[in-house]
Amino acid sequence: MEGLSLAISIMVVAGFVSALFSVITGYVLSLNDGYGEGKLGAHQNSALLTTVVSLGWIYTQFTKQSGWKYELSVWATIAMIAITGHLGGSITHGEEYLAFGGSQYKAPARKAISDIPNASIFNQVVQPILLEKCAACHNKSKQKGGLRLDDSAAIKKGGKSGEIIKGAGTSSE
C-alpha cells in the first residue's frame, strides 16, 4: 500500500505542476485576439481555481489526512478539471461541442458548378473554400485575429491587421 501512496503523491504533484504550467501558457495564448472575453475569463478563473484546489489535494496527501478533507480535495479537484476542460473545449470547438447534433460550426457541403463559364468566382469557388477551410476559426462566435470569413461583408472589413483584400472595403458587390 505504501507504493500506491507514493504513486498517488507523485501523480498529484505532477498534476499540480501541469495545472500551473497550463495556467501560464494559457495566459500567454489569451493575449491573442479571437476569443470571447466572457468565455475566456470564465475559463481562466476556473483554471486558477483548479490549480488552487489541486494544491489542497497535495496538502491533504502529504499531511496524511484521511476522511472527508481528503475526499473533498480529491472530488473538488476532479470537478474543477471537468469544468475547466469543458470551458476550454467550448472556446476551442464552439459553444455546444458536446451537444450531439448541436450547433458546432460545420461548413456547408460544396455544390458542383454546373455552368463553369458563367460561375460566380467568389460565391461558387472562393467562398465554399473559405467556409470549409477557414471559417471554423474565423466565424461569428470565434474570430481569430479579429477576422471573420463566413460573411462577405466581414471579409471586406478585414481583421485586426486591416483589410485582407486590398480595396475590398471600398468596393461594392
Protein backbone atom coordinates (compact mmCIF):
# COMPACT_ATOMS: atom_id res chain seq x y z
CA MET A 1 0.00 0.00 0.00
CA GLU A 2 2.98 2.30 0.58
CA GLY A 3 3.92 2.05 -3.11
CA LEU A 4 0.40 3.11 -4.13
CA SER A 5 0.52 6.09 -1.76
CA LEU A 6 3.87 7.16 -3.24
CA ALA A 7 2.49 6.83 -6.79
CA ILE A 8 -0.56 8.93 -5.87
CA SER A 9 1.67 11.58 -4.30
CA ILE A 10 3.83 11.76 -7.41
CA MET A 11 0.76 12.00 -9.66
CA VAL A 12 -0.84 14.73 -7.55
CA VAL A 13 2.33 16.84 -7.63
CA ALA A 14 2.72 16.23 -11.38
CA GLY A 15 -0.92 17.29 -11.84
CA PHE A 16 -0.35 20.50 -9.87
CA VAL A 17 2.79 21.34 -11.87
CA SER A 18 0.89 20.59 -15.07
CA ALA A 19 -2.02 22.82 -13.99
CA LEU A 20 0.37 25.65 -13.11
CA PHE A 21 2.13 25.31 -16.48
CA SER A 22 -1.26 25.30 -18.24
CA VAL A 23 -2.32 28.49 -16.44
CA ILE A 24 0.86 30.26 -17.52
CA THR A 25 0.76 29.09 -21.15
CA GLY A 26 -2.99 29.72 -21.30
CA TYR A 27 -2.45 33.28 -20.16
CA VAL A 28 0.13 33.81 -22.90
CA LEU A 29 -2.29 32.40 -25.51
CA SER A 30 -5.08 34.64 -24.19
CA LEU A 31 -3.06 37.70 -25.18
CA ASN A 32 -4.00 36.91 -28.80
CA ASP A 33 -7.35 38.13 -30.10
CA GLY A 34 -10.12 35.87 -31.21
CA TYR A 35 -11.63 34.54 -28.02
CA GLY A 36 -14.82 35.87 -26.46
CA GLU A 37 -13.99 37.73 -23.26
CA GLY A 38 -16.76 36.12 -21.19
CA LYS A 39 -15.83 32.56 -22.07
CA LEU A 40 -12.13 33.24 -21.79
CA GLY A 41 -12.47 34.90 -18.37
CA ALA A 42 -14.56 32.03 -17.02
CA HIS A 43 -12.03 29.50 -18.33
CA GLN A 44 -9.09 31.43 -16.84
CA ASN A 45 -10.79 31.77 -13.46
CA SER A 46 -11.70 28.09 -13.35
CA ALA A 47 -8.12 27.16 -14.33
CA LEU A 48 -6.75 29.23 -11.46
CA LEU A 49 -9.26 27.66 -9.08
CA THR A 50 -8.32 24.18 -10.35
CA THR A 51 -4.69 24.92 -9.57
CA VAL A 52 -5.52 26.14 -6.06
CA VAL A 53 -7.83 23.20 -5.35
CA SER A 54 -5.16 20.75 -6.54
CA LEU A 55 -2.77 22.40 -4.10
CA GLY A 56 -5.30 21.50 -1.40
CA TRP A 57 -5.15 17.89 -2.56
CA ILE A 58 -1.35 18.00 -2.28
CA TYR A 59 -1.69 19.32 1.27
CA THR A 60 -4.09 16.56 2.33
CA GLN A 61 -1.91 13.93 0.59
CA PHE A 62 1.36 14.95 2.24
CA THR A 63 -0.11 15.60 5.70
CA LYS A 64 -1.60 12.08 5.55
CA GLN A 65 -5.11 13.32 6.17
CA SER A 66 -7.93 10.92 5.60
CA GLY A 67 -11.67 11.13 5.73
CA TRP A 68 -13.81 13.96 4.47
CA LYS A 69 -10.99 16.51 3.98
CA TYR A 70 -9.05 14.21 1.70
CA GLU A 71 -12.13 13.07 -0.21
CA LEU A 72 -13.34 16.66 -0.59
CA SER A 73 -9.98 17.73 -2.03
CA VAL A 74 -9.98 14.81 -4.48
CA TRP A 75 -13.57 15.33 -5.69
CA ALA A 76 -13.20 19.12 -5.83
CA THR A 77 -10.09 18.75 -8.00
CA ILE A 78 -11.82 16.28 -10.32
CA ALA A 79 -14.87 18.56 -10.62
CA MET A 80 -12.71 21.61 -11.36
CA ILE A 81 -10.74 19.72 -14.02
CA ALA A 82 -14.02 18.75 -15.71
CA ILE A 83 -15.42 22.30 -15.55
CA THR A 84 -12.19 23.90 -16.77
CA GLY A 85 -11.84 21.36 -19.56
CA HIS A 86 -15.41 21.94 -20.69
CA LEU A 87 -14.98 25.71 -20.75
CA GLY A 88 -11.73 25.35 -22.70
CA GLY A 89 -13.39 23.00 -25.14
CA SER A 90 -16.21 25.49 -25.64
CA ILE A 91 -13.68 28.17 -26.55
CA THR A 92 -11.77 25.91 -28.92
CA HIS A 93 -14.59 23.91 -30.53
CA GLY A 94 -17.65 26.13 -30.18
CA GLU A 95 -20.50 26.66 -27.73
CA GLU A 96 -22.15 23.26 -27.93
CA TYR A 97 -19.28 20.98 -28.88
CA LEU A 98 -20.62 18.21 -26.63
CA ALA A 99 -24.22 18.57 -27.78
CA PHE A 100 -24.96 15.65 -30.06
CA GLY A 101 -26.03 17.23 -33.32
CA GLY A 102 -25.52 20.65 -31.69
CA SER A 103 -24.53 23.92 -33.28
CA GLN A 104 -20.77 23.38 -33.63
CA TYR A 105 -19.59 25.04 -36.84
CA LYS A 106 -19.84 22.78 -39.86
CA ALA A 107 -19.09 24.01 -43.35
CA PRO A 108 -21.89 23.56 -45.84
CA ALA A 109 -21.29 20.88 -48.46
CA ARG A 110 -19.74 22.21 -51.65
CA LYS A 111 -22.04 22.15 -54.63
CA ALA A 112 -20.85 21.16 -58.07
CA ILE A 113 -20.58 24.05 -60.52
CA SER A 114 -22.79 23.18 -63.46
CA ASP A 115 -22.20 26.26 -65.65
CA ILE A 116 -18.47 26.94 -65.34
CA PRO A 117 -18.22 29.82 -67.87
CA ASN A 118 -20.92 31.78 -66.05
CA ALA A 119 -19.93 30.80 -62.49
CA SER A 120 -19.59 33.48 -59.84
CA ILE A 121 -15.91 33.17 -58.86
CA PHE A 122 -16.42 34.34 -55.29
CA ASN A 123 -19.80 32.77 -54.48
CA GLN A 124 -19.25 29.41 -56.16
CA VAL A 125 -15.49 28.91 -55.93
CA VAL A 126 -13.80 31.06 -53.26
CA GLN A 127 -16.48 31.26 -50.56
CA PRO A 128 -17.06 27.49 -50.32
CA ILE A 129 -13.30 27.00 -49.81
CA LEU A 130 -13.18 29.70 -47.11
CA LEU A 131 -16.18 28.14 -45.37
CA GLU A 132 -14.63 24.68 -45.48
CA LYS A 133 -11.02 25.54 -44.58
CA CYS A 134 -11.07 28.82 -42.64
CA ALA A 135 -14.43 29.60 -41.09
CA ALA A 136 -14.05 27.16 -38.19
CA CYS A 137 -11.64 29.67 -36.60
CA HIS A 138 -12.98 32.83 -38.26
CA ASN A 139 -16.76 32.85 -37.78
CA LYS A 140 -19.45 34.72 -35.88
CA SER A 141 -18.56 33.22 -32.48
CA LYS A 142 -14.79 32.82 -32.89
CA GLN A 143 -12.72 35.45 -34.67
CA LYS A 144 -9.00 34.75 -34.53
CA GLY A 145 -7.15 37.98 -35.25
CA GLY A 146 -10.49 39.79 -35.32
CA LEU A 147 -11.10 38.25 -38.76
CA ARG A 148 -14.37 36.73 -39.82
CA LEU A 149 -14.50 34.73 -43.07
CA ASP A 150 -18.04 33.35 -43.06
CA ASP A 151 -19.69 36.55 -44.27
CA SER A 152 -18.82 38.65 -47.36
CA ALA A 153 -19.26 41.99 -45.54
CA ALA A 154 -16.94 40.82 -42.75
CA ILE A 155 -14.36 39.66 -45.31
CA LYS A 156 -14.36 43.14 -46.84
CA LYS A 157 -13.93 44.70 -43.40
CA GLY A 158 -10.87 42.59 -42.62
CA GLY A 159 -9.42 41.88 -39.20
CA LYS A 160 -7.06 43.23 -36.60
CA SER A 161 -4.35 43.77 -39.21
CA GLY A 162 -6.70 45.58 -41.59
CA GLU A 163 -8.07 44.59 -44.95
CA ILE A 164 -7.19 41.15 -46.25
CA ILE A 165 -8.18 42.07 -49.80
CA LYS A 166 -6.77 45.43 -50.84
CA GLY A 167 -9.55 47.83 -51.83
CA ALA A 168 -12.25 45.39 -50.68
CA GLY A 169 -13.52 47.75 -48.01
CA THR A 170 -14.33 50.42 -50.59
CA SER A 171 -15.85 48.37 -53.41
CA SER A 172 -19.39 47.04 -53.68
CA GLU A 173 -20.59 43.60 -54.76
